[in-house]
Protein backbone atom coordinates (compact mmCIF):
# COMPACT_ATOMS: atom_id res chain seq x y z
CA MET A 1 155.91 -93.10 -77.69
CA PRO A 2 153.33 -94.38 -79.99
CA LEU A 3 153.51 -93.92 -83.72
CA VAL A 4 150.10 -93.50 -85.12
CA LYS A 5 149.17 -93.69 -88.80
CA VAL A 6 145.34 -93.00 -89.87
CA GLU A 7 144.25 -93.50 -93.35
CA ILE A 8 140.87 -92.02 -94.36
CA LEU A 9 139.21 -91.15 -97.79
CA LYS A 10 140.09 -87.76 -99.31
CA GLY A 11 137.58 -84.77 -98.73
CA LYS A 12 137.39 -84.29 -95.14
CA THR A 13 137.79 -80.84 -93.20
CA GLN A 14 140.64 -79.79 -91.55
CA GLU A 15 138.51 -79.79 -88.43
CA TYR A 16 137.22 -83.32 -89.01
CA LYS A 17 140.95 -84.44 -89.32
CA LYS A 18 142.12 -82.81 -86.21
CA ALA A 19 139.25 -84.30 -84.45
CA ILE A 20 140.31 -87.59 -85.48
CA LEU A 21 143.91 -87.19 -84.22
CA ASP A 22 142.87 -85.75 -80.94
CA GLY A 23 140.46 -88.28 -80.14
CA ILE A 24 143.05 -91.03 -80.76
CA HIS A 25 145.80 -89.25 -78.81
CA SER A 26 143.10 -88.48 -75.90
CA ALA A 27 142.30 -92.37 -75.89
CA LEU A 28 146.08 -93.30 -76.06
CA VAL A 29 146.61 -91.16 -72.87
CA GLU A 30 143.64 -92.65 -70.96
CA ALA A 31 144.33 -96.13 -71.90
CA PHE A 32 147.98 -96.59 -72.01
CA LYS A 33 148.97 -93.67 -69.78
CA ILE A 34 151.43 -91.88 -72.07
CA PRO A 35 152.33 -88.33 -71.54
CA ASP A 36 150.17 -85.76 -72.93
CA HIS A 37 153.22 -84.26 -74.89
CA ASP A 38 154.06 -87.60 -76.36
CA ARG A 39 152.53 -87.24 -79.93
CA MET A 40 153.54 -88.51 -83.38
CA GLN A 41 150.74 -88.84 -85.65
CA ARG A 42 150.27 -89.01 -89.44
CA LEU A 43 147.05 -88.78 -91.55
CA TYR A 44 147.09 -89.85 -94.76
CA GLU A 45 143.96 -89.11 -97.31
CA LEU A 46 143.33 -91.43 -99.90
CA GLU A 47 141.58 -91.03 -103.25
CA LYS A 48 138.40 -93.32 -103.83
CA ASP A 49 139.98 -95.39 -106.56
CA CYS A 50 143.13 -95.90 -103.98
CA PHE A 51 140.95 -97.27 -101.09
CA GLU A 52 138.43 -100.22 -101.76
CA ILE A 53 136.09 -100.58 -99.00
CA SER A 54 133.25 -102.76 -98.05
CA PRO A 55 129.66 -102.23 -98.95
CA ASN A 56 129.02 -102.11 -95.34
CA ASN A 57 131.11 -99.08 -94.78
CA THR A 58 130.37 -95.36 -95.03
CA ASP A 59 133.12 -92.74 -96.75
CA LYS A 60 133.90 -92.22 -92.97
CA ILE A 61 136.07 -95.29 -92.89
CA THR A 62 139.07 -94.70 -90.92
CA LEU A 63 142.06 -97.23 -90.53
CA ILE A 64 144.13 -96.60 -87.65
CA GLU A 65 147.49 -98.27 -87.08
CA ILE A 66 149.51 -97.99 -83.73
CA THR A 67 153.15 -98.87 -83.30
CA VAL A 68 153.77 -99.22 -79.58
CA PHE A 69 156.52 -100.46 -77.36
CA LYS A 70 155.84 -104.28 -76.39
CA GLY A 71 154.26 -104.68 -72.76
CA ARG A 72 150.47 -103.41 -72.53
CA SER A 73 147.90 -105.79 -71.19
CA LEU A 74 144.96 -107.01 -72.87
CA GLU A 75 142.99 -104.97 -70.84
CA ALA A 76 144.93 -101.84 -71.67
CA LYS A 77 144.15 -102.59 -75.29
CA ARG A 78 140.68 -103.03 -74.69
CA ASN A 79 140.43 -99.58 -72.94
CA LEU A 80 142.29 -98.18 -75.95
CA TYR A 81 140.06 -99.72 -78.36
CA SER A 82 136.69 -98.37 -76.71
CA ALA A 83 138.10 -95.11 -76.26
CA ILE A 84 138.94 -94.51 -79.47
CA VAL A 85 135.62 -95.62 -80.41
CA ARG A 86 133.79 -93.43 -78.18
CA ASN A 87 135.90 -90.33 -79.02
CA LEU A 88 135.70 -90.77 -82.72
CA ALA A 89 131.82 -91.11 -82.35
CA GLN A 90 131.61 -87.92 -80.20
CA SER A 91 133.76 -85.98 -82.58
CA PRO A 92 133.74 -86.20 -85.67
CA GLY A 93 131.10 -88.64 -85.58
CA ILE A 94 132.27 -91.63 -86.66
CA GLU A 95 130.38 -94.82 -86.29
CA GLY A 96 132.37 -97.75 -84.43
CA LYS A 97 131.74 -100.13 -87.75
CA ASP A 98 133.75 -97.65 -89.57
CA ILE A 99 136.74 -97.63 -87.39
CA PHE A 100 139.29 -100.19 -87.74
CA ILE A 101 142.38 -100.43 -85.16
CA VAL A 102 145.86 -102.43 -85.33
CA ILE A 103 148.30 -102.29 -82.54
CA ASN A 104 152.04 -103.14 -83.93
CA GLU A 105 153.84 -104.26 -80.86
CA GLN A 106 157.64 -104.02 -81.32
CA PRO A 107 160.68 -104.87 -78.37
CA LEU A 108 162.27 -101.82 -76.91
CA GLU A 109 165.44 -102.66 -78.69
CA ASN A 110 164.01 -102.48 -81.97
CA TRP A 111 163.20 -98.80 -81.48
CA GLY A 112 166.17 -96.33 -82.20
CA VAL A 113 165.76 -93.17 -79.92
CA LYS A 114 167.04 -90.25 -77.88
CA GLY A 115 169.91 -89.76 -80.48
CA GLY A 116 170.39 -93.26 -81.42
CA LEU A 117 169.95 -95.41 -78.24
CA PRO A 118 168.23 -98.54 -78.18
CA ALA A 119 164.72 -97.39 -76.19
CA SER A 120 165.73 -100.45 -73.82
CA GLU A 121 168.44 -98.12 -72.64
CA VAL A 122 166.16 -95.19 -72.00
CA ASP A 123 164.15 -94.02 -69.17
CA PHE A 124 161.32 -92.45 -70.79
CA GLY A 125 159.66 -91.25 -67.32
CA PHE A 126 156.23 -93.38 -67.72
CA LYS A 127 155.43 -96.89 -67.08
CA ILE A 128 155.01 -99.47 -70.44
CA GLU A 129 153.30 -102.24 -68.63
CA VAL A 130 149.83 -100.93 -68.09
């Protein structure tokens, strides 16, 4: 049940934004083995005066924050990073130097899900320790 937050500069097409969300989700399915239907993503577009970037970056800069259940291995995280970069390079054409990814891991008991249960008491039907 990853929660994905993406921040980009305002002015991109609907297709561009959809490609980002699809690329990230596909990488999560591949690397973290989440079910394909498990999708909770938000994309924020910021005006240039609200998004300071390094001169080394382009207007395609993409910040990605993923909040997940604690338990993924370093190998799974490496796979996720590379899959996101690969997918976003293919479509919509974002270079790796413009992609920043942060994973926030939370213990299962810090998630309230399925009508108010701690996630530590819920069977999600997929393995978290990948």
